[in-house]
């Protein structure tokens, strides 16, 4: 949780899709103050379980599967390319290969 605040500082977004580990009161308050939707399921030990968008949360699994498949491409997983444009091109190429499977 220590790394979340620097990552979202200064970044504009409408929603945060995360797992139960990110169910912290300070983060939910921060997202509410920004006007962002928290798509984070509540931890089991919460006294009052809050609602979240279960349909949108299902996308998290698809996103994690995509990153797992991307890791099959060694050049992307190890950031082998020297320039940002080559790295982005390989991301697009890998995504196209995954989508065509």
PDB file of N, CA and C in Angstrom:
ATOM      1  N   UNK A   1       0.810  -1.195   0.000  1.00  0.00           N
ATOM      2  CA  UNK A   1       0.000   0.000   0.000  1.00  0.00           C
ATOM      3  C   UNK A   1       0.856   1.263   0.000  1.00  0.00           C
ATOM      4  N   UNK A   2       2.121   1.158   0.397  1.00  0.00           N
ATOM      5  CA  UNK A   2       2.972   2.348   0.425  1.00  0.00           C
ATOM      6  C   UNK A   2       3.232   2.884  -0.982  1.00  0.00           C
ATOM      7  N   UNK A   3       3.249   2.020  -1.975  1.00  0.00           N
ATOM      8  CA  UNK A   3       3.547   2.436  -3.331  1.00  0.00           C
ATOM      9  C   UNK A   3       2.366   2.998  -4.098  1.00  0.00           C
ATOM     10  N   UNK A   4       1.172   2.903  -3.554  1.00  0.00           N
ATOM     11  CA  UNK A   4      -0.014   3.358  -4.273  1.00  0.00           C
ATOM     12  C   UNK A   4      -0.055   4.876  -4.376  1.00  0.00           C
ATOM     13  N   UNK A   5       0.176   5.549  -3.284  1.00  0.00           N
ATOM     14  CA  UNK A   5       0.050   7.010  -3.266  1.00  0.00           C
ATOM     15  C   UNK A   5       0.963   7.697  -4.289  1.00  0.00           C
ATOM     16  N   UNK A   6       2.247   7.344  -4.372  1.00  0.00           N
ATOM     17  CA  UNK A   6       3.079   7.998  -5.388  1.00  0.00           C
ATOM     18  C   UNK A   6       2.645   7.668  -6.823  1.00  0.00           C
ATOM     19  N   UNK A   7       2.074   6.482  -7.024  1.00  0.00           N
ATOM     20  CA  UNK A   7       1.653   6.098  -8.365  1.00  0.00           C
ATOM     21  C   UNK A   7       0.432   6.876  -8.845  1.00  0.00           C
ATOM     22  N   UNK A   8      -0.490   7.170  -7.945  1.00  0.00           N
ATOM     23  CA  UNK A   8      -1.711   7.867  -8.368  1.00  0.00           C
ATOM     24  C   UNK A   8      -1.619   9.377  -8.194  1.00  0.00           C
ATOM     25  N   UNK A   9      -0.546   9.857  -7.573  1.00  0.00           N
ATOM     26  CA  UNK A   9      -0.385  11.293  -7.357  1.00  0.00           C
ATOM     27  C   UNK A   9      -0.215  12.015  -8.690  1.00  0.00           C
ATOM     28  N   UNK A  10      -1.094  12.939  -8.967  1.00  0.00           N
ATOM     29  CA  UNK A  10      -1.019  13.731 -10.181  1.00  0.00           C
ATOM     30  C   UNK A  10      -1.565  13.053 -11.423  1.00  0.00           C
ATOM     31  N   UNK A  11      -2.156  11.871 -11.283  1.00  0.00           N
ATOM     32  CA  UNK A  11      -2.711  11.147 -12.420  1.00  0.00           C
ATOM     33  C   UNK A  11      -4.233  11.249 -12.363  1.00  0.00           C
ATOM     34  N   UNK A  12      -4.833  11.640 -13.472  1.00  0.00           N
ATOM     35  CA  UNK A  12      -6.286  11.755 -13.532  1.00  0.00           C
ATOM     36  C   UNK A  12      -6.882  10.451 -14.067  1.00  0.00           C
ATOM     37  N   UNK A  13      -7.885   9.938 -13.382  1.00  0.00           N
ATOM     38  CA  UNK A  13      -8.585   8.737 -13.826  1.00  0.00           C
ATOM     39  C   UNK A  13      -9.992   8.748 -13.255  1.00  0.00           C
ATOM     40  N   UNK A  14     -10.879   7.973 -13.888  1.00  0.00           N
ATOM     41  CA  UNK A  14     -12.281   7.925 -13.469  1.00  0.00           C
ATOM     42  C   UNK A  14     -12.582   6.783 -12.514  1.00  0.00           C
ATOM     43  N   UNK A  15     -11.766   5.729 -12.561  1.00  0.00           N
ATOM     44  CA  UNK A  15     -12.017   4.560 -11.714  1.00  0.00           C
ATOM     45  C   UNK A  15     -10.704   3.850 -11.420  1.00  0.00           C
ATOM     46  N   UNK A  16     -10.664   3.181 -10.285  1.00  0.00           N
ATOM     47  CA  UNK A  16      -9.512   2.361  -9.917  1.00  0.00           C
ATOM     48  C   UNK A  16     -10.005   0.934  -9.744  1.00  0.00           C
ATOM     49  N   UNK A  17      -9.486   0.036 -10.549  1.00  0.00           N
ATOM     50  CA  UNK A  17      -9.849  -1.370 -10.521  1.00  0.00           C
ATOM     51  C   UNK A  17      -8.725  -2.116  -9.816  1.00  0.00           C
ATOM     52  N   UNK A  18      -8.997  -2.646  -8.628  1.00  0.00           N
ATOM     53  CA  UNK A  18      -7.949  -3.295  -7.831  1.00  0.00           C
ATOM     54  C   UNK A  18      -8.545  -4.448  -7.027  1.00  0.00           C
ATOM     55  N   UNK A  19      -7.672  -5.279  -6.470  1.00  0.00           N
ATOM     56  CA  UNK A  19      -8.156  -6.404  -5.681  1.00  0.00           C
ATOM     57  C   UNK A  19      -8.325  -6.016  -4.210  1.00  0.00           C
ATOM     58  N   UNK A  20      -8.683  -7.002  -3.392  1.00  0.00           N
ATOM     59  CA  UNK A  20      -9.007  -6.747  -1.982  1.00  0.00           C
ATOM     60  C   UNK A  20      -7.860  -6.145  -1.180  1.00  0.00           C
ATOM     61  N   UNK A  21      -6.643  -6.364  -1.618  1.00  0.00           N
ATOM     62  CA  UNK A  21      -5.491  -5.836  -0.891  1.00  0.00           C
ATOM     63  C   UNK A  21      -5.502  -4.311  -0.849  1.00  0.00           C
ATOM     64  N   UNK A  22      -6.192  -3.680  -1.781  1.00  0.00           N
ATOM     65  CA  UNK A  22      -6.239  -2.224  -1.857  1.00  0.00           C
ATOM     66  C   UNK A  22      -7.465  -1.636  -1.157  1.00  0.00           C
ATOM     67  N   UNK A  23      -8.161  -2.432  -0.387  1.00  0.00           N
ATOM     68  CA  UNK A  23      -9.332  -1.968   0.355  1.00  0.00           C
ATOM     69  C   UNK A  23      -8.874  -1.300   1.651  1.00  0.00           C
ATOM     70  N   UNK A  24      -8.492  -0.046   1.538  1.00  0.00           N
ATOM     71  CA  UNK A  24      -8.043   0.737   2.694  1.00  0.00           C
ATOM     72  C   UNK A  24      -8.878   2.013   2.750  1.00  0.00           C
ATOM     73  N   UNK A  25      -9.218   2.425   3.962  1.00  0.00           N
ATOM     74  CA  UNK A  25     -10.063   3.609   4.131  1.00  0.00           C
ATOM     75  C   UNK A  25      -9.433   4.864   3.530  1.00  0.00           C
ATOM     76  N   UNK A  26      -8.120   5.048   3.709  1.00  0.00           N
ATOM     77  CA  UNK A  26      -7.486   6.267   3.189  1.00  0.00           C
ATOM     78  C   UNK A  26      -7.547   6.304   1.667  1.00  0.00           C
ATOM     79  N   UNK A  27      -7.411   5.144   1.009  1.00  0.00           N
ATOM     80  CA  UNK A  27      -7.466   5.097  -0.441  1.00  0.00           C
ATOM     81  C   UNK A  27      -8.888   5.356  -0.940  1.00  0.00           C
ATOM     82  N   UNK A  28      -9.865   4.772  -0.273  1.00  0.00           N
ATOM     83  CA  UNK A  28     -11.259   4.997  -0.660  1.00  0.00           C
ATOM     84  C   UNK A  28     -11.645   6.463  -0.480  1.00  0.00           C
ATOM     85  N   UNK A  29     -11.150   7.084   0.589  1.00  0.00           N
ATOM     86  CA  UNK A  29     -11.411   8.508   0.820  1.00  0.00           C
ATOM     87  C   UNK A  29     -10.756   9.361  -0.258  1.00  0.00           C
ATOM     88  N   UNK A  30      -9.517   9.021  -0.614  1.00  0.00           N
ATOM     89  CA  UNK A  30      -8.795   9.742  -1.664  1.00  0.00           C
ATOM     90  C   UNK A  30      -9.517   9.630  -3.006  1.00  0.00           C
ATOM     91  N   UNK A  31      -9.976   8.438  -3.341  1.00  0.00           N
ATOM     92  CA  UNK A  31     -10.688   8.244  -4.605  1.00  0.00           C
ATOM     93  C   UNK A  31     -12.008   9.003  -4.614  1.00  0.00           C
ATOM     94  N   UNK A  32     -12.699   9.006  -3.483  1.00  0.00           N
ATOM     95  CA  UNK A  32     -13.963   9.738  -3.385  1.00  0.00           C
ATOM     96  C   UNK A  32     -13.738  11.235  -3.541  1.00  0.00           C
ATOM     97  N   UNK A  33     -12.662  11.751  -2.961  1.00  0.00           N
ATOM     98  CA  UNK A  33     -12.349  13.177  -3.077  1.00  0.00           C
ATOM     99  C   UNK A  33     -12.016  13.563  -4.519  1.00  0.00           C
ATOM    100  N   UNK A  34     -11.426  12.646  -5.255  1.00  0.00           N
ATOM    101  CA  UNK A  34     -11.095  12.893  -6.660  1.00  0.00           C
ATOM    102  C   UNK A  34     -12.300  12.727  -7.579  1.00  0.00           C
ATOM    103  N   UNK A  35     -13.346  12.096  -7.069  1.00  0.00           N
ATOM    104  CA  UNK A  35     -14.504  11.810  -7.906  1.00  0.00           C
ATOM    105  C   UNK A  35     -14.337  10.540  -8.713  1.00  0.00           C
ATOM    106  N   UNK A  36     -13.384   9.709  -8.327  1.00  0.00           N
ATOM    107  CA  UNK A  36     -13.131   8.448  -9.022  1.00  0.00           C
ATOM    108  C   UNK A  36     -13.904   7.320  -8.348  1.00  0.00           C
ATOM    109  N   UNK A  37     -14.299   6.362  -9.142  1.00  0.00           N
ATOM    110  CA  UNK A  37     -15.024   5.199  -8.632  1.00  0.00           C
ATOM    111  C   UNK A  37     -14.029   4.147  -8.165  1.00  0.00           C
ATOM    112  N   UNK A  38     -14.276   3.580  -7.002  1.00  0.00           N
ATOM    113  CA  UNK A  38     -13.430   2.510  -6.475  1.00  0.00           C
ATOM    114  C   UNK A  38     -14.076   1.173  -6.806  1.00  0.00           C
ATOM    115  N   UNK A  39     -13.454   0.430  -7.688  1.00  0.00           N
ATOM    116  CA  UNK A  39     -13.937  -0.908  -8.028  1.00  0.00           C
ATOM    117  C   UNK A  39     -13.019  -1.883  -7.300  1.00  0.00           C
ATOM    118  N   UNK A  40     -13.220  -1.931  -5.998  1.00  0.00           N
ATOM    119  CA  UNK A  40     -12.390  -2.733  -5.109  1.00  0.00           C
ATOM    120  C   UNK A  40     -13.327  -3.510  -4.190  1.00  0.00           C
ATOM    121  N   UNK A  41     -13.282  -4.840  -4.210  1.00  0.00           N
ATOM    122  CA  UNK A  41     -14.144  -5.587  -3.296  1.00  0.00           C
ATOM    123  C   UNK A  41     -13.693  -5.394  -1.851  1.00  0.00           C
ATOM    124  N   UNK A  42     -14.639  -5.400  -0.916  1.00  0.00           N
ATOM    125  CA  UNK A  42     -14.260  -5.209   0.489  1.00  0.00           C
ATOM    126  C   UNK A  42     -13.581  -6.449   1.061  1.00  0.00           C
ATOM    127  N   UNK A  43     -12.682  -6.220   1.985  1.00  0.00           N
ATOM    128  CA  UNK A  43     -12.043  -7.336   2.683  1.00  0.00           C
ATOM    129  C   UNK A  43     -13.087  -8.051   3.535  1.00  0.00           C
ATOM    130  N   UNK A  44     -12.849  -9.303   3.815  1.00  0.00           N
ATOM    131  CA  UNK A  44     -13.805 -10.108   4.585  1.00  0.00           C
ATOM    132  C   UNK A  44     -13.904  -9.644   6.037  1.00  0.00           C
ATOM    133  N   UNK A  45     -12.874  -8.973   6.557  1.00  0.00           N
ATOM    134  CA  UNK A  45     -12.884  -8.579   7.962  1.00  0.00           C
ATOM    135  C   UNK A  45     -13.522  -7.201   8.199  1.00  0.00           C
ATOM    136  N   UNK A  46     -14.081  -6.580   7.180  1.00  0.00           N
ATOM    137  CA  UNK A  46     -14.768  -5.289   7.364  1.00  0.00           C
ATOM    138  C   UNK A  46     -16.078  -5.509   8.110  1.00  0.00           C
ATOM    139  N   UNK A  47     -16.405  -4.599   9.015  1.00  0.00           N
ATOM    140  CA  UNK A  47     -17.659  -4.707   9.753  1.00  0.00           C
ATOM    141  C   UNK A  47     -18.853  -4.424   8.858  1.00  0.00           C
ATOM    142  N   UNK A  48     -18.712  -3.406   8.007  1.00  0.00           N
ATOM    143  CA  UNK A  48     -19.783  -3.041   7.093  1.00  0.00           C
ATOM    144  C   UNK A  48     -19.274  -3.224   5.666  1.00  0.00           C
ATOM    145  N   UNK A  49     -19.819  -4.230   5.000  1.00  0.00           N
ATOM    146  CA  UNK A  49     -19.403  -4.498   3.631  1.00  0.00           C
ATOM    147  C   UNK A  49     -20.032  -3.461   2.710  1.00  0.00           C
ATOM    148  N   UNK A  50     -19.220  -2.851   1.870  1.00  0.00           N
ATOM    149  CA  UNK A  50     -19.728  -1.848   0.951  1.00  0.00           C
ATOM    150  C   UNK A  50     -19.923  -2.481  -0.420  1.00  0.00           C
ATOM    151  N   UNK A  51     -20.709  -1.805  -1.244  1.00  0.00           N
ATOM    152  CA  UNK A  51     -20.982  -2.307  -2.587  1.00  0.00           C
ATOM    153  C   UNK A  51     -19.867  -1.906  -3.546  1.00  0.00           C
ATOM    154  N   UNK A  52     -19.714  -2.682  -4.587  1.00  0.00           N
ATOM    155  CA  UNK A  52     -18.777  -2.377  -5.671  1.00  0.00           C
ATOM    156  C   UNK A  52     -19.359  -2.968  -6.950  1.00  0.00           C
ATOM    157  N   UNK A  53     -18.891  -2.507  -8.074  1.00  0.00           N
ATOM    158  CA  UNK A  53     -19.393  -2.947  -9.372  1.00  0.00           C
ATOM    159  C   UNK A  53     -18.789  -4.311  -9.709  1.00  0.00           C
ATOM    160  N   UNK A  54     -19.550  -5.375  -9.465  1.00  0.00           N
ATOM    161  CA  UNK A  54     -19.048  -6.737  -9.667  1.00  0.00           C
ATOM    162  C   UNK A  54     -18.809  -7.027 -11.146  1.00  0.00           C
ATOM    163  N   UNK A  55     -19.646  -6.452 -11.997  1.00  0.00           N
ATOM    164  CA  UNK A  55     -19.468  -6.681 -13.440  1.00  0.00           C
ATOM    165  C   UNK A  55     -18.151  -6.070 -13.933  1.00  0.00           C
ATOM    166  N   UNK A  56     -17.849  -4.861 -13.509  1.00  0.00           N
ATOM    167  CA  UNK A  56     -16.594  -4.216 -13.906  1.00  0.00           C
ATOM    168  C   UNK A  56     -15.395  -4.927 -13.280  1.00  0.00           C
ATOM    169  N   UNK A  57     -15.556  -5.469 -12.079  1.00  0.00           N
ATOM    170  CA  UNK A  57     -14.454  -6.148 -11.395  1.00  0.00           C
ATOM    171  C   UNK A  57     -14.016  -7.396 -12.159  1.00  0.00           C
ATOM    172  N   UNK A  58     -14.932  -8.008 -12.898  1.00  0.00           N
ATOM    173  CA  UNK A  58     -14.582  -9.199 -13.670  1.00  0.00           C
ATOM    174  C   UNK A  58     -13.538  -8.895 -14.737  1.00  0.00           C
ATOM    175  N   UNK A  59     -13.430  -7.643 -15.167  1.00  0.00           N
ATOM    176  CA  UNK A  59     -12.420  -7.254 -16.153  1.00  0.00           C
ATOM    177  C   UNK A  59     -11.012  -7.385 -15.586  1.00  0.00           C
ATOM    178  N   UNK A  60     -10.853  -7.292 -14.279  1.00  0.00           N
ATOM    179  CA  UNK A  60      -9.539  -7.399 -13.655  1.00  0.00           C
ATOM    180  C   UNK A  60      -8.873  -8.721 -14.020  1.00  0.00           C
ATOM    181  N   UNK A  61      -9.644  -9.792 -14.033  1.00  0.00           N
ATOM    182  CA  UNK A  61      -9.119 -11.112 -14.374  1.00  0.00           C
ATOM    183  C   UNK A  61      -8.597 -11.126 -15.814  1.00  0.00           C
ATOM    184  N   UNK A  62      -9.335 -10.518 -16.725  1.00  0.00           N
ATOM    185  CA  UNK A  62      -8.910 -10.459 -18.125  1.00  0.00           C
ATOM    186  C   UNK A  62      -7.621  -9.658 -18.276  1.00  0.00           C
ATOM    187  N   UNK A  63      -7.510  -8.586 -17.536  1.00  0.00           N
ATOM    188  CA  UNK A  63      -6.306  -7.753 -17.598  1.00  0.00           C
ATOM    189  C   UNK A  63      -5.105  -8.520 -17.066  1.00  0.00           C
ATOM    190  N   UNK A  64      -5.275  -9.222 -15.954  1.00  0.00           N
ATOM    191  CA  UNK A  64      -4.170 -10.006 -15.394  1.00  0.00           C
ATOM    192  C   UNK A  64      -3.758 -11.126 -16.340  1.00  0.00           C
ATOM    193  N   UNK A  65      -4.727 -11.760 -17.002  1.00  0.00           N
ATOM    194  CA  UNK A  65      -4.401 -12.813 -17.966  1.00  0.00           C
ATOM    195  C   UNK A  65      -3.609 -12.250 -19.138  1.00  0.00           C
ATOM    196  N   UNK A  66      -3.964 -11.041 -19.592  1.00  0.00           N
ATOM    197  CA  UNK A  66      -3.240 -10.416 -20.693  1.00  0.00           C
ATOM    198  C   UNK A  66      -1.777 -10.188 -20.304  1.00  0.00           C
ATOM    199  N   UNK A  67      -1.541  -9.659 -19.110  1.00  0.00           N
ATOM    200  CA  UNK A  67      -0.160  -9.419 -18.688  1.00  0.00           C
ATOM    201  C   UNK A  67       0.602 -10.729 -18.502  1.00  0.00           C
ATOM    202  N   UNK A  68      -0.067 -11.780 -18.087  1.00  0.00           N
ATOM    203  CA  UNK A  68       0.594 -13.084 -17.972  1.00  0.00           C
ATOM    204  C   UNK A  68       1.008 -13.596 -19.354  1.00  0.00           C
ATOM    205  N   UNK A  69       0.149 -13.374 -20.357  1.00  0.00           N
ATOM    206  CA  UNK A  69       0.487 -13.804 -21.717  1.00  0.00           C
ATOM    207  C   UNK A  69       1.597 -12.947 -22.310  1.00  0.00           C
ATOM    208  N   UNK A  70       1.605 -11.660 -21.994  1.00  0.00           N
ATOM    209  CA  UNK A  70       2.656 -10.761 -22.484  1.00  0.00           C
ATOM    210  C   UNK A  70       4.023 -11.222 -21.967  1.00  0.00           C
ATOM    211  N   UNK A  71       4.066 -11.760 -20.756  1.00  0.00           N
ATOM    212  CA  UNK A  71       5.334 -12.195 -20.174  1.00  0.00           C
ATOM    213  C   UNK A  71       5.951 -13.371 -20.925  1.00  0.00           C
ATOM    214  N   UNK A  72       5.162 -14.033 -21.781  1.00  0.00           N
ATOM    215  CA  UNK A  72       5.708 -15.107 -22.602  1.00  0.00           C
ATOM    216  C   UNK A  72       6.709 -14.571 -23.626  1.00  0.00           C
ATOM    217  N   UNK A  73       6.577 -13.294 -23.962  1.00  0.00           N
ATOM    218  CA  UNK A  73       7.474 -12.666 -24.923  1.00  0.00           C
ATOM    219  C   UNK A  73       8.656 -12.084 -24.153  1.00  0.00           C
ATOM    220  N   UNK A  74       9.780 -12.771 -24.215  1.00  0.00           N
ATOM    221  CA  UNK A  74      10.940 -12.429 -23.397  1.00  0.00           C
ATOM    222  C   UNK A  74      11.414 -10.996 -23.603  1.00  0.00           C
ATOM    223  N   UNK A  75      11.390 -10.510 -24.824  1.00  0.00           N
ATOM    224  CA  UNK A  75      11.888  -9.161 -25.105  1.00  0.00           C
ATOM    225  C   UNK A  75      11.054  -8.105 -24.391  1.00  0.00           C
ATOM    226  N   UNK A  76       9.772  -8.345 -24.244  1.00  0.00           N
ATOM    227  CA  UNK A  76       8.918  -7.382 -23.551  1.00  0.00           C
ATOM    228  C   UNK A  76       9.094  -7.510 -22.046  1.00  0.00           C
ATOM    229  N   UNK A  77       9.120  -8.730 -21.557  1.00  0.00           N
ATOM    230  CA  UNK A  77       9.239  -8.942 -20.115  1.00  0.00           C
ATOM    231  C   UNK A  77      10.543  -8.386 -19.558  1.00  0.00           C
ATOM    232  N   UNK A  78      11.600  -8.415 -20.359  1.00  0.00           N
ATOM    233  CA  UNK A  78      12.902  -7.935 -19.881  1.00  0.00           C
ATOM    234  C   UNK A  78      13.250  -6.543 -20.394  1.00  0.00           C
ATOM    235  N   UNK A  79      12.336  -5.916 -21.148  1.00  0.00           N
ATOM    236  CA  UNK A  79      12.546  -4.570 -21.729  1.00  0.00           C
ATOM    237  C   UNK A  79      13.838  -4.548 -22.530  1.00  0.00           C
ATOM    238  N   UNK A  80      13.910  -5.465 -23.493  1.00  0.00           N
ATOM    239  CA  UNK A  80      15.122  -5.666 -24.286  1.00  0.00           C
ATOM    240  C   UNK A  80      15.410  -4.503 -25.236  1.00  0.00           C
ATOM    241  N   UNK A  81      14.359  -3.852 -25.764  1.00  0.00           N
ATOM    242  CA  UNK A  81      14.556  -2.781 -26.734  1.00  0.00           C
ATOM    243  C   UNK A  81      15.163  -1.547 -26.070  1.00  0.00           C
ATOM    244  N   UNK A  82      15.914  -0.797 -26.834  1.00  0.00           N
ATOM    245  CA  UNK A  82      16.586   0.376 -26.285  1.00  0.00           C
ATOM    246  C   UNK A  82      15.743   1.645 -26.365  1.00  0.00           C
ATOM    247  N   UNK A  83      14.864   1.742 -27.363  1.00  0.00           N
ATOM    248  CA  UNK A  83      14.075   2.961 -27.519  1.00  0.00           C
ATOM    249  C   UNK A  83      12.621   2.718 -27.129  1.00  0.00           C
ATOM    250  N   UNK A  84      11.961   3.777 -26.700  1.00  0.00           N
ATOM    251  CA  UNK A  84      10.568   3.671 -26.287  1.00  0.00           C
ATOM    252  C   UNK A  84       9.665   3.306 -27.460  1.00  0.00           C
ATOM    253  N   UNK A  85       9.974   3.801 -28.639  1.00  0.00           N
ATOM    254  CA  UNK A  85       9.129   3.494 -29.800  1.00  0.00           C
ATOM    255  C   UNK A  85       9.246   2.016 -30.195  1.00  0.00           C
ATOM    256  N   UNK A  86      10.424   1.446 -30.095  1.00  0.00           N
ATOM    257  CA  UNK A  86      10.595   0.014 -30.388  1.00  0.00           C
ATOM    258  C   UNK A  86       9.880  -0.834 -29.344  1.00  0.00           C
ATOM    259  N   UNK A  87       9.964  -0.406 -28.104  1.00  0.00           N
ATOM    260  CA  UNK A  87       9.294  -1.133 -27.027  1.00  0.00           C
ATOM    261  C   UNK A  87       7.781  -1.093 -27.223  1.00  0.00           C
ATOM    262  N   UNK A  88       7.238   0.070 -27.565  1.00  0.00           N
ATOM    263  CA  UNK A  88       5.796   0.204 -27.811  1.00  0.00           C
ATOM    264  C   UNK A  88       5.381  -0.628 -29.022  1.00  0.00           C
ATOM    265  N   UNK A  89       6.202  -0.636 -30.052  1.00  0.00           N
ATOM    266  CA  UNK A  89       5.885  -1.425 -31.251  1.00  0.00           C
ATOM    267  C   UNK A  89       5.812  -2.911 -30.909  1.00  0.00           C
ATOM    268  N   UNK A  90       6.730  -3.390 -30.085  1.00  0.00           N
ATOM    269  CA  UNK A  90       6.699  -4.800 -29.689  1.00  0.00           C
ATOM    270  C   UNK A  90       5.488  -5.121 -28.825  1.00  0.00           C
ATOM    271  N   UNK A  91       5.060  -4.170 -27.988  1.00  0.00           N
ATOM    272  CA  UNK A  91       3.823  -4.362 -27.215  1.00  0.00           C
ATOM    273  C   UNK A  91       2.647  -4.551 -28.164  1.00  0.00           C
ATOM    274  N   UNK A  92       2.570  -3.701 -29.170  1.00  0.00           N
ATOM    275  CA  UNK A  92       1.474  -3.812 -30.125  1.00  0.00           C
ATOM    276  C   UNK A  92       1.540  -5.113 -30.915  1.00  0.00           C
ATOM    277  N   UNK A  93       2.718  -5.508 -31.293  1.00  0.00           N
ATOM    278  CA  UNK A  93       2.901  -6.766 -32.015  1.00  0.00           C
ATOM    279  C   UNK A  93       2.490  -7.953 -31.147  1.00  0.00           C
ATOM    280  N   UNK A  94       2.930  -7.972 -29.913  1.00  0.00           N
ATOM    281  CA  UNK A  94       2.565  -9.066 -28.995  1.00  0.00           C
ATOM    282  C   UNK A  94       1.065  -9.099 -28.747  1.00  0.00           C
ATOM    283  N   UNK A  95       0.456  -7.920 -28.577  1.00  0.00           N
ATOM    284  CA  UNK A  95      -0.990  -7.868 -28.365  1.00  0.00           C
ATOM    285  C   UNK A  95      -1.737  -8.395 -29.575  1.00  0.00           C
ATOM    286  N   UNK A  96      -1.241  -8.077 -30.766  1.00  0.00           N
ATOM    287  CA  UNK A  96      -1.860  -8.599 -31.980  1.00  0.00           C
ATOM    288  C   UNK A  96      -1.747 -10.110 -32.077  1.00  0.00           C
ATOM    289  N   UNK A  97      -0.589 -10.642 -31.715  1.00  0.00           N
ATOM    290  CA  UNK A  97      -0.393 -12.094 -31.740  1.00  0.00           C
ATOM    291  C   UNK A  97      -1.315 -12.775 -30.732  1.00  0.00           C
ATOM    292  N   UNK A  98      -1.422 -12.206 -29.541  1.00  0.00           N
ATOM    293  CA  UNK A  98      -2.294 -12.788 -28.518  1.00  0.00           C
ATOM    294  C   UNK A  98      -3.750 -12.752 -28.968  1.00  0.00           C
ATOM    295  N   UNK A  99      -4.160 -11.627 -29.570  1.00  0.00           N
ATOM    296  CA  UNK A  99      -5.554 -11.483 -30.010  1.00  0.00           C
ATOM    297  C   UNK A  99      -5.881 -12.458 -31.149  1.00  0.00           C
ATOM    298  N   UNK A 100      -4.885 -12.799 -31.948  1.00  0.00           N
ATOM    299  CA  UNK A 100      -5.138 -13.690 -33.092  1.00  0.00           C
ATOM    300  C   UNK A 100      -5.158 -15.167 -32.711  1.00  0.00           C
ATOM    301  N   UNK A 101      -4.761 -15.505 -31.514  1.00  0.00           N
ATOM    302  CA  UNK A 101      -4.727 -16.913 -31.083  1.00  0.00           C
ATOM    303  C   UNK A 101      -6.106 -17.472 -30.905  1.00  0.00           C
TER     304      UNK A 101
END
